[in-house]
Protein backbone atom coordinates (compact mmCIF):
# COMPACT_ATOMS: atom_id res chain seq x y z
CA MET A 1 100.57 113.90 89.26
CA GLU A 2 99.87 110.38 90.50
CA GLN A 3 99.70 107.67 87.85
CA GLU A 4 96.55 105.56 87.83
CA ILE A 5 97.23 101.84 87.77
CA GLN A 6 95.42 99.99 85.00
CA LEU A 7 94.72 96.30 85.63
CA ASN A 8 93.21 93.65 83.42
CA GLU A 9 89.44 93.37 83.34
CA HIS A 10 87.90 90.81 85.67
CA ASN A 11 84.91 88.82 84.44
CA LYS A 12 83.58 87.42 87.72
CA GLN A 13 82.57 88.74 91.11
CA GLU A 14 83.82 86.34 93.78
CA TYR A 15 82.39 85.91 97.25
CA PRO A 16 85.31 87.47 99.18
CA PRO A 17 85.39 85.07 102.19
CA MET A 18 85.43 81.98 99.93
CA HIS A 19 87.95 83.47 97.52
CA THR A 20 90.30 84.39 100.38
CA THR A 21 89.91 80.85 101.73
CA GLU A 22 90.96 79.51 98.33
CA HIS A 23 94.26 81.41 98.73
CA ILE A 24 94.78 79.90 102.20
CA LEU A 25 93.92 76.41 100.95
CA ASN A 26 96.32 76.79 98.02
CA GLN A 27 99.21 77.77 100.29
CA THR A 28 98.35 74.95 102.70
CA MET A 29 98.51 72.43 99.85
CA VAL A 30 101.83 73.86 98.63
CA ARG A 31 103.29 73.60 102.14
CA MET A 32 101.94 70.13 102.92
CA PHE A 33 102.49 68.40 99.59
CA GLY A 34 104.91 70.57 97.60
CA CYS A 35 102.39 70.71 94.77
CA PRO A 36 101.50 73.74 92.65
CA ARG A 37 98.55 75.96 93.57
CA SER A 38 95.17 74.78 92.28
CA ARG A 39 95.09 74.40 88.49
CA ASN A 40 91.30 74.34 88.36
CA ALA A 41 88.94 75.99 90.83
CA HIS A 42 85.23 76.73 91.00
CA ILE A 43 84.68 79.20 93.84
CA GLU A 44 81.10 79.97 94.87
CA ARG A 45 79.29 81.26 97.97
CA LYS A 46 77.62 77.97 99.01
CA LYS A 47 80.37 75.50 98.15
CA SER A 48 83.56 75.41 96.13
CA LYS A 49 86.04 72.99 94.64
CA CYS A 50 89.74 73.01 93.83
CA ASP A 51 91.88 70.50 91.94
CA TYR A 52 95.50 69.76 92.82
CA GLU A 53 98.12 67.71 91.02
CA LEU A 54 99.55 65.08 93.38
CA PRO A 55 101.60 61.95 92.64
CA GLU A 56 99.57 59.85 95.10
CA ALA A 57 96.34 59.98 97.05
CA PRO A 58 96.52 61.67 100.46
CA THR A 59 95.57 59.65 103.52
CA PRO A 60 92.37 60.40 105.46
CA GLU A 61 94.60 61.78 108.22
CA GLN A 62 96.26 64.18 105.77
CA MET A 63 92.83 65.34 104.62
CA GLN A 64 91.85 66.09 108.22
CA GLU A 65 95.14 67.95 108.64
CA ILE A 66 94.37 70.15 105.62
CA GLU A 67 91.11 71.24 107.25
CA ARG A 68 92.82 71.82 110.60
CA ARG A 69 95.64 73.90 109.11
CA VAL A 70 93.35 76.06 106.98
CA ASN A 71 91.23 76.83 110.05
CA GLU A 72 94.34 77.51 112.12
CA VAL A 73 95.38 80.19 109.61
CA ILE A 74 91.87 81.68 109.50
CA ASP A 75 91.77 81.80 113.32
CA GLN A 76 94.97 83.90 113.41
CA HIS A 77 92.90 86.90 112.20
CA LEU A 78 95.54 87.80 109.63
CA PRO A 79 95.31 91.04 107.65
CA VAL A 80 94.68 90.70 103.92
CA THR A 81 96.62 93.40 102.11
CA ILE A 82 97.12 94.46 98.51
CA GLU A 83 100.17 95.96 96.86
CA PHE A 84 101.00 96.76 93.26
CA MET A 85 104.36 95.97 91.72
CA PRO A 86 106.03 95.43 88.36
CA ARG A 87 105.78 91.92 86.94
CA GLU A 88 109.56 91.41 87.33
CA ALA A 89 109.43 92.17 91.07
CA ALA A 90 106.35 89.98 91.52
CA ALA A 91 108.06 87.04 89.80
CA ALA A 92 110.62 86.96 92.62
CA ILE A 93 107.93 86.33 95.27
CA VAL A 94 104.95 84.63 93.60
CA ASP A 95 104.31 81.93 91.01
CA LEU A 96 103.23 83.61 87.77
CA SER A 97 102.68 80.41 85.78
CA LYS A 98 98.88 80.88 85.70
CA LEU A 99 99.12 84.51 84.64
CA PRO A 100 97.47 85.14 81.25
CA GLU A 101 99.84 86.19 78.46
CA ASP A 102 98.05 89.54 78.12
CA ALA A 103 98.36 90.42 81.82
CA SER A 104 99.40 93.97 82.56
CA SER A 105 102.99 94.87 83.42
CA THR A 106 101.86 96.00 86.90
CA LEU A 107 100.49 93.19 89.05
CA ARG A 108 98.24 93.24 92.09
CA ILE A 109 99.71 91.07 94.85
CA VAL A 110 97.35 89.90 97.59
CA ARG A 111 98.98 88.91 100.88
CA ILE A 112 97.39 87.03 103.74
CA GLY A 113 99.60 88.00 106.66
CA ASP A 114 102.95 86.27 106.20
CA TYR A 115 101.19 83.05 105.15
CA ASP A 116 100.48 83.63 101.46
CA ALA A 117 101.19 85.99 98.59
CA CYS A 118 99.57 85.63 95.19
CA ALA A 119 99.00 87.69 92.05
CA CYS A 120 95.23 88.14 91.94
CA ILE A 121 92.64 90.62 90.70
CA GLY A 122 89.73 89.12 92.66
CA ALA A 123 87.78 90.28 95.72
CA HIS A 124 88.99 89.41 99.23
CA VAL A 125 88.13 90.09 102.87
CA GLN A 126 90.25 92.59 104.82
CA ASN A 127 91.01 90.14 107.65
CA THR A 128 90.69 86.37 107.97
CA SER A 129 88.39 86.96 110.98
CA GLU A 130 85.68 87.72 108.37
CA ILE A 131 85.77 84.22 106.87
CA GLY A 132 84.11 81.85 109.34
CA HIS A 133 85.47 78.30 109.24
CA PHE A 134 86.55 75.97 106.48
CA LYS A 135 84.74 72.64 106.20
CA LEU A 136 86.03 69.95 103.84
CA LEU A 137 82.94 68.25 102.40
CA THR A 138 84.29 65.52 100.12
CA TYR A 139 87.36 64.68 98.11
CA ASP A 140 88.40 62.20 95.48
CA TYR A 141 91.68 61.25 93.85
CA ASN A 142 91.87 60.09 90.23
CA GLU A 143 94.95 59.75 88.01
CA GLY A 144 97.06 62.38 89.75
CA ARG A 145 94.24 64.85 90.43
CA LEU A 146 92.93 65.50 93.92
CA ARG A 147 89.58 67.32 93.93
CA LEU A 148 88.52 68.97 97.19
CA ARG A 149 84.96 70.20 97.78
CA PHE A 150 84.45 72.60 100.67
CA LYS A 151 82.23 75.24 102.21
CA LEU A 152 82.40 77.91 104.87
CA ILE A 153 80.45 77.68 108.11
CA GLU A 154 79.80 80.33 110.77
């Protein structure tokens, strides 16, 4: 008899292309700046925002590079896959610092090709070819917090 996996309840229905893009943006920020994944995000269909902790303001050239790199990943048409694993195994491959204390002992890991892996219970596309393109709208830096506002375009 196969055991059914029980995950925590999820209180919001994300727009899968934007939510998947948030994962790509998070990994891009980690790789470019060595910062943690977004600590605060508001992900919506029309436009979204993410906040990152950085010791100094990025240059305009770095901001352009973020947009370029995110789109480069999207354009690779990477598969988005899901696997379930015990929390201990997940801790060896993903950052669990944002995980709620009452999270289940089995975690859902979402992978975007070999680019990103993250514990997540949200909705995602099956392939980055379903996303469109990432457009950075505005950004501001204030006291160690970089806020990015972005949307997806066809």
